Amino acid sequence: MKKTKIAVIGLGGIAQLVHLPILSKLNNAEISAVSDKSKPNLKSVADKFGIKNRYVDYKELLRNDDCDAVIISTPTSTHRDIAIDVLKAGKHVLIEKPVAKSLKEAEDIKKASLKYNKSVMVGMNLRYRPDAMLVKSLLNNKEIGDVFYIKASWLRKQSSSEKWFMKKGEAGGGVLMDLGILLLDLSIWLLNYADVSAVSVKNFMHRTKAIEDSSVGLVRLKGNKLINFEVSWSLLSDKDNLHLDIFGTQGTVHLNPLRAYKLINGVKIDYSPSHSAAGNKNLYKKSYENELKHFIGTVEGNVGITSSIDSALHRMKLLEALYKSANTNAEVKL
């Protein structure tokens, strides 16, 4: 079997916990090289996964390695420059979310993608959860009629212990950049990319200084649809929680755990799946496994990109509107 050669730039938590373990087990993938600015971290991680080709300077990796594609999992502030260099080197690229610090930087990546004729995929792993894909199928088949309202919530501890994560200059933002972008991307994807018309949001900094640790808001979409969301690193709860409640004209679907109800002749019918959509696998890791398999498929030309750079540009426009609303304490129209 032909193996797609993939290099990984940035060996932080997401690379160590997700990308490298999954790639090392895929029959059609090969980790050709890795790069990290920290020599001790580079040696430790490369030794652990038995990766011979290792570089402190990612540009040296691009000059010497014959990889087909590159995964970028570095601080957000570095995404633009690294992505452009990768594309210029003739490699396809998967960029961990968010695609960049700003809409302008994301647009620069899009221009480079077109100039060098290489694809850019952005890591939006929630789309690849087995239960989310099942929900998408239910909604596309109009099982609960026309969806008009999604209530979305994600409360969890700060997802990274790395210092850059809490610096606005390097991360670009706080919990909206971390959890909000994923949760809203999932919601808008489930709504078949309905256009956003206006946003209203309130950010809080209870345990942080320069970036928000909680955000609550409304996203109005064309077609009389509404998303109500809350994301937080600091709201106290008994455990980390991600929930989506999806309301249609004929029924309701709840995500995590997956439950589905439909009104038939005025009677509520439970048609929830009898078993987990993910089987025995952890939904979090399964989402990344599906995402990486999809990325490899796009590199080989077997499938089209779903979480593309174009989609990422729309999310960056949304993020900028959300931050503007929070900063002005007013609704922002798009």
Protein backbone atom coordinates (compact mmCIF):
# COMPACT_ATOMS: atom_id res chain seq x y z
CA MET A 1 0.00 0.00 0.00
CA LYS A 2 1.29 3.44 -0.95
CA LYS A 3 1.87 5.56 2.11
CA THR A 4 1.28 9.30 2.27
CA LYS A 5 4.32 10.98 3.80
CA ILE A 6 3.37 13.55 6.40
CA ALA A 7 5.63 15.89 8.38
CA VAL A 8 4.57 17.56 11.62
CA ILE A 9 5.72 21.05 12.57
CA GLY A 10 5.16 21.90 16.23
CA LEU A 11 5.34 19.13 18.84
CA GLY A 12 3.12 20.48 21.59
CA GLY A 13 0.26 18.72 23.32
CA ILE A 14 -2.02 18.21 20.32
CA ALA A 15 0.79 16.65 18.26
CA GLN A 16 1.90 14.37 21.09
CA LEU A 17 -1.58 13.31 22.21
CA VAL A 18 -3.35 13.10 18.87
CA HIS A 19 -1.50 13.58 15.58
CA LEU A 20 1.58 11.43 16.10
CA PRO A 21 -0.11 8.50 17.91
CA ILE A 22 -2.84 8.27 15.27
CA LEU A 23 -0.58 8.73 12.24
CA SER A 24 1.83 6.10 13.56
CA LYS A 25 -0.98 3.52 13.48
CA LEU A 26 -2.46 4.30 10.04
CA ASN A 27 -1.49 1.81 7.35
CA ASN A 28 -1.56 4.40 4.57
CA ALA A 29 0.46 7.11 6.35
CA GLU A 30 4.10 7.60 7.28
CA ILE A 31 5.52 10.26 9.57
CA SER A 32 8.43 11.40 7.44
CA ALA A 33 9.83 14.12 9.70
CA VAL A 34 9.10 16.39 12.67
CA SER A 35 10.18 19.88 13.69
CA ASP A 36 10.15 21.82 16.94
CA LYS A 37 12.10 24.87 18.15
CA SER A 38 12.87 23.19 21.46
CA LYS A 39 15.78 20.77 21.05
CA PRO A 40 14.95 18.78 24.23
CA ASN A 41 11.29 18.45 23.23
CA LEU A 42 12.21 17.55 19.66
CA LYS A 43 14.55 14.78 20.81
CA SER A 44 12.12 13.41 23.39
CA VAL A 45 9.13 13.25 21.05
CA ALA A 46 11.06 12.02 18.00
CA ASP A 47 12.69 9.29 20.10
CA LYS A 48 9.34 8.23 21.53
CA PHE A 49 7.79 7.74 18.10
CA GLY A 50 10.94 6.48 16.40
CA ILE A 51 11.18 9.36 13.94
CA LYS A 52 14.64 9.64 12.40
CA ASN A 53 14.30 12.92 10.51
CA ARG A 54 14.05 15.78 12.99
CA TYR A 55 14.69 19.49 12.60
CA VAL A 56 14.84 22.50 14.89
CA ASP A 57 14.32 24.77 11.87
CA TYR A 58 11.17 23.89 9.94
CA LYS A 59 12.59 25.55 6.83
CA GLU A 60 15.36 22.98 6.82
CA LEU A 61 12.71 20.27 7.01
CA LEU A 62 10.97 21.75 3.96
CA ARG A 63 14.25 21.84 2.04
CA ASN A 64 15.32 18.28 2.86
CA ASP A 65 12.21 16.16 3.42
CA ASP A 66 10.18 14.64 0.58
CA CYS A 67 6.87 14.70 2.44
CA ASP A 68 3.56 15.00 0.59
CA ALA A 69 1.89 17.13 3.25
CA VAL A 70 2.53 18.97 6.51
CA ILE A 71 0.54 19.36 9.72
CA ILE A 72 1.04 22.71 11.46
CA SER A 73 0.40 22.60 15.22
CA THR A 74 2.42 25.59 16.37
CA PRO A 75 1.25 28.76 18.21
CA THR A 76 -1.45 30.59 16.25
CA SER A 77 0.76 33.62 15.65
CA THR A 78 3.11 31.48 13.51
CA HIS A 79 0.48 29.81 11.32
CA ARG A 80 0.49 32.34 8.48
CA ASP A 81 4.22 32.39 7.81
CA ILE A 82 4.73 28.65 8.21
CA ALA A 83 1.71 27.82 6.03
CA ILE A 84 2.92 30.08 3.22
CA ASP A 85 6.39 28.51 3.37
CA VAL A 86 4.88 25.01 3.30
CA LEU A 87 2.68 25.83 0.30
CA LYS A 88 5.61 27.46 -1.49
CA ALA A 89 7.57 24.24 -0.95
CA GLY A 90 4.85 22.37 -2.84
CA LYS A 91 3.19 20.62 0.11
CA HIS A 92 -0.44 20.32 1.09
CA VAL A 93 -1.18 21.49 4.61
CA LEU A 94 -3.44 20.81 7.58
CA ILE A 95 -3.48 23.74 10.03
CA GLU A 96 -4.76 23.30 13.56
CA LYS A 97 -7.54 25.73 14.45
CA PRO A 98 -7.76 28.63 14.39
CA VAL A 99 -6.30 29.02 10.93
CA ALA A 100 -4.58 32.30 11.90
CA LYS A 101 -4.69 35.24 14.30
CA SER A 102 -6.80 37.40 11.99
CA LEU A 103 -8.90 37.43 8.85
CA LYS A 104 -6.11 39.23 6.98
CA GLU A 105 -3.61 36.48 7.82
CA ALA A 106 -6.12 33.82 6.76
CA GLU A 107 -6.62 35.62 3.45
CA ASP A 108 -2.83 35.57 2.90
CA ILE A 109 -2.87 31.78 3.34
CA LYS A 110 -5.73 31.48 0.85
CA LYS A 111 -3.78 33.53 -1.71
CA ALA A 112 -0.73 31.29 -1.29
CA SER A 113 -2.89 28.19 -1.68
CA LEU A 114 -4.14 29.48 -5.03
CA LYS A 115 -0.70 30.69 -6.14
CA TYR A 116 1.06 27.38 -5.48
CA ASN A 117 -1.96 25.17 -6.30
CA LYS A 118 -1.88 23.23 -3.03
CA SER A 119 -4.76 22.50 -0.69
CA VAL A 120 -5.27 23.85 2.82
CA MET A 121 -7.42 22.05 5.37
CA VAL A 122 -8.17 23.52 8.79
CA GLY A 123 -8.57 21.32 11.84
CA MET A 124 -12.24 21.40 12.84
CA ASN A 125 -12.37 17.99 14.46
CA LEU A 126 -15.89 18.23 15.93
CA ARG A 127 -17.29 17.76 12.42
CA TYR A 128 -15.61 14.35 12.34
CA ARG A 129 -17.13 12.95 15.53
CA PRO A 130 -19.19 9.87 14.58
CA ASP A 131 -22.20 11.13 16.52
CA ALA A 132 -21.98 14.58 14.88
CA MET A 133 -21.84 12.99 11.42
CA LEU A 134 -24.93 10.94 12.29
CA VAL A 135 -26.73 14.08 13.44
CA LYS A 136 -25.76 15.78 10.17
CA SER A 137 -27.37 12.91 8.25
CA LEU A 138 -30.55 13.15 10.33
CA LEU A 139 -30.82 16.89 9.70
CA ASN A 140 -30.10 16.56 5.97
CA ASN A 141 -32.92 14.01 5.74
CA LYS A 142 -35.28 16.47 7.48
CA GLU A 143 -35.97 13.96 10.25
CA ILE A 144 -36.89 16.80 12.64
CA GLY A 145 -38.21 19.17 9.99
CA ASP A 146 -36.58 22.56 9.48
CA VAL A 147 -33.98 23.40 12.11
CA PHE A 148 -34.42 26.91 13.50
CA TYR A 149 -32.53 26.94 16.82
CA ILE A 150 -29.33 25.46 18.21
CA LYS A 151 -28.35 25.82 21.85
CA ALA A 152 -24.64 25.06 22.18
CA SER A 153 -22.48 24.86 25.29
CA TRP A 154 -18.90 23.81 25.98
CA LEU A 155 -17.48 24.14 29.48
CA ARG A 156 -14.03 22.71 30.08
CA LYS A 157 -10.75 23.48 31.73
CA GLN A 158 -8.11 25.37 29.80
CA SER A 159 -7.10 22.92 27.08
CA SER A 160 -3.38 23.71 26.97
CA SER A 161 -0.73 24.22 29.64
CA GLU A 162 1.69 25.83 27.16
CA LYS A 163 2.61 29.43 28.03
CA TRP A 164 1.86 30.86 24.58
CA PHE A 165 -1.75 29.75 24.89
CA MET A 166 -2.49 32.49 27.43
CA LYS A 167 -0.72 35.29 25.57
CA LYS A 168 -2.97 37.31 23.28
CA GLY A 169 -0.11 38.18 20.97
CA GLU A 170 0.59 34.50 20.28
CA ALA A 171 -2.85 32.88 20.69
CA GLY A 172 -4.89 35.68 19.14
CA GLY A 173 -7.63 35.38 21.73
CA GLY A 174 -9.02 33.28 24.55
CA VAL A 175 -11.81 30.75 24.89
CA LEU A 176 -13.57 32.03 21.75
CA MET A 177 -10.47 31.11 19.72
CA ASP A 178 -10.11 27.80 21.54
CA LEU A 179 -13.60 26.36 22.07
CA GLY A 180 -15.92 28.93 20.49
CA ILE A 181 -14.60 28.57 16.95
CA LEU A 182 -15.06 24.79 17.05
CA LEU A 183 -18.53 24.90 18.59
CA LEU A 184 -19.80 27.56 16.18
CA ASP A 185 -18.20 25.81 13.21
CA LEU A 186 -20.02 22.61 14.15
CA SER A 187 -23.34 24.44 14.55
CA ILE A 188 -23.06 26.32 11.25
CA TRP A 189 -21.98 23.11 9.47
CA LEU A 190 -25.06 21.35 10.83
CA LEU A 191 -27.14 24.24 9.48
CA ASN A 192 -25.65 23.72 6.00
CA TYR A 193 -23.53 26.87 6.19
CA ALA A 194 -26.42 29.29 6.68
CA ASP A 195 -25.10 32.85 6.38
CA VAL A 196 -24.62 34.84 9.58
CA SER A 197 -26.53 38.13 9.69
CA ALA A 198 -25.70 39.49 13.16
CA VAL A 199 -23.95 38.63 16.42
CA SER A 200 -24.17 39.78 20.01
CA VAL A 201 -21.70 38.54 22.64
CA LYS A 202 -20.42 39.25 26.14
CA ASN A 203 -16.91 38.20 27.16
CA PHE A 204 -15.64 37.75 30.71
CA MET A 205 -12.13 37.68 32.18
CA HIS A 206 -12.58 36.22 35.66
CA ARG A 207 -9.34 34.24 35.86
CA THR A 208 -7.40 35.75 32.99
CA LYS A 209 -6.02 39.19 32.17
CA ALA A 210 -5.52 39.78 28.46
CA ILE A 211 -7.89 37.18 27.00
CA GLU A 212 -11.46 36.05 27.72
CA ASP A 213 -12.06 32.90 29.78
CA SER A 214 -15.86 32.86 29.25
CA SER A 215 -18.08 33.99 26.40
CA VAL A 216 -21.86 33.99 26.00
CA GLY A 217 -23.65 35.12 22.87
CA LEU A 218 -26.23 34.94 20.12
CA VAL A 219 -25.58 34.36 16.44
CA ARG A 220 -28.43 35.25 14.09
CA LEU A 221 -28.47 33.52 10.71
CA LYS A 222 -30.40 34.15 7.55
CA GLY A 223 -33.52 32.04 7.17
CA ASN A 224 -34.74 32.96 10.66
CA LYS A 225 -32.27 30.65 12.43
CA LEU A 226 -30.52 31.26 15.74
CA ILE A 227 -27.52 29.89 17.66
CA ASN A 228 -27.27 30.53 21.39
CA PHE A 229 -23.79 29.62 22.67
CA GLU A 230 -21.68 29.62 25.81
CA VAL A 231 -18.04 28.59 26.11
CA SER A 232 -15.84 28.77 29.17
CA TRP A 233 -12.62 27.64 30.80
CA SER A 234 -13.69 28.96 34.20
CA LEU A 235 -17.39 28.22 34.85
CA LEU A 236 -17.49 25.62 37.59
CA SER A 237 -19.22 22.33 36.80
CA ASP A 238 -18.93 18.73 37.93
CA LYS A 239 -17.10 17.76 34.73
CA ASP A 240 -16.14 19.01 31.28
CA ASN A 241 -19.29 19.34 29.20
CA LEU A 242 -20.03 19.74 25.50
CA HIS A 243 -23.70 19.82 24.55
CA LEU A 244 -25.75 20.71 21.48
CA ASP A 245 -29.54 20.90 21.54
CA ILE A 246 -30.92 21.12 18.01
CA PHE A 247 -34.56 22.13 17.62
CA GLY A 248 -36.57 21.59 14.46
CA THR A 249 -40.19 22.16 13.50
CA GLN A 250 -40.94 18.45 13.98
CA GLY A 251 -38.50 17.26 16.62
CA THR A 252 -35.31 17.65 18.62
CA VAL A 253 -31.82 16.13 18.56
CA HIS A 254 -29.41 16.27 21.49
CA LEU A 255 -25.69 15.70 21.02
CA ASN A 256 -23.42 14.20 23.67
CA PRO A 257 -25.12 11.95 24.53
CA LEU A 258 -26.94 11.48 21.24
CA ARG A 259 -30.72 11.45 21.65
CA ALA A 260 -33.41 12.13 19.06
CA TYR A 261 -37.15 12.78 19.40
CA LYS A 262 -39.83 13.41 16.82
CA LEU A 263 -43.48 14.39 16.93
CA ILE A 264 -45.68 12.01 14.94
CA ASN A 265 -49.43 12.70 15.06
CA GLY A 266 -48.89 14.70 18.22
CA VAL A 267 -46.99 11.91 19.99
CA LYS A 268 -43.32 12.22 20.97
CA ILE A 269 -41.39 9.29 19.54
CA ASP A 270 -37.88 8.41 20.78
CA TYR A 271 -35.78 7.28 17.83
CA SER A 272 -32.37 7.60 19.42
CA PRO A 273 -29.71 5.16 18.21
CA SER A 274 -29.62 2.01 20.34
CA HIS A 275 -25.82 2.03 20.54
CA SER A 276 -23.02 4.58 20.52
CA ALA A 277 -22.18 6.01 17.11
CA ALA A 278 -18.52 5.69 17.99
CA GLY A 279 -18.54 2.13 19.23
CA ASN A 280 -15.99 1.63 21.98
CA LYS A 281 -13.61 4.33 20.79
CA ASN A 282 -13.23 7.64 22.55
CA LEU A 283 -15.22 10.22 20.58
CA TYR A 284 -12.49 12.84 20.97
CA LYS A 285 -9.74 10.66 19.52
CA LYS A 286 -12.07 9.14 16.94
CA SER A 287 -12.86 12.63 15.63
CA TYR A 288 -9.16 13.28 15.05
CA GLU A 289 -8.66 9.86 13.49
CA ASN A 290 -11.48 10.56 11.03
CA GLU A 291 -10.10 14.04 10.37
CA LEU A 292 -6.58 12.75 9.61
CA LYS A 293 -7.95 10.00 7.38
CA HIS A 294 -9.95 12.63 5.51
CA PHE A 295 -6.88 14.83 5.15
CA ILE A 296 -4.88 11.95 3.71
CA GLY A 297 -7.75 11.31 1.31
CA THR A 298 -7.62 14.92 0.12
CA VAL A 299 -3.85 14.73 -0.36
CA GLU A 300 -4.29 11.61 -2.49
CA GLY A 301 -7.11 13.28 -4.43
CA ASN A 302 -9.73 10.76 -3.35
CA VAL A 303 -12.07 13.15 -1.51
CA GLY A 304 -12.79 16.86 -1.42
CA ILE A 305 -11.95 19.05 1.57
CA THR A 306 -14.84 19.76 3.92
CA SER A 307 -13.14 22.12 6.43
CA SER A 308 -11.38 24.15 3.76
CA ILE A 309 -9.55 27.48 3.84
CA ASP A 310 -12.69 29.08 2.37
CA SER A 311 -14.75 27.79 5.27
CA ALA A 312 -12.04 29.03 7.67
CA LEU A 313 -12.26 32.53 6.19
CA HIS A 314 -15.97 32.64 7.05
CA ARG A 315 -15.19 31.56 10.61
CA MET A 316 -12.53 34.27 10.94
CA LYS A 317 -15.04 36.88 9.77
CA LEU A 318 -17.40 35.57 12.42
CA LEU A 319 -14.70 35.69 15.11
CA GLU A 320 -13.83 39.29 14.26
CA ALA A 321 -17.50 40.24 14.51
CA LEU A 322 -17.80 38.45 17.87
CA TYR A 323 -14.82 40.31 19.32
CA LYS A 324 -16.12 43.61 17.93
CA SER A 325 -19.48 42.99 19.60
CA ALA A 326 -17.79 42.19 22.91
CA ASN A 327 -15.56 45.27 22.71
CA THR A 328 -18.38 47.66 21.79
CA ASN A 329 -21.06 46.01 23.94
CA ALA A 330 -23.41 46.08 20.96
CA GLU A 331 -24.86 43.85 18.26
CA VAL A 332 -22.73 43.68 15.12
CA LYS A 333 -24.29 43.08 11.73
CA LEU A 334 -22.45 41.19 9.01
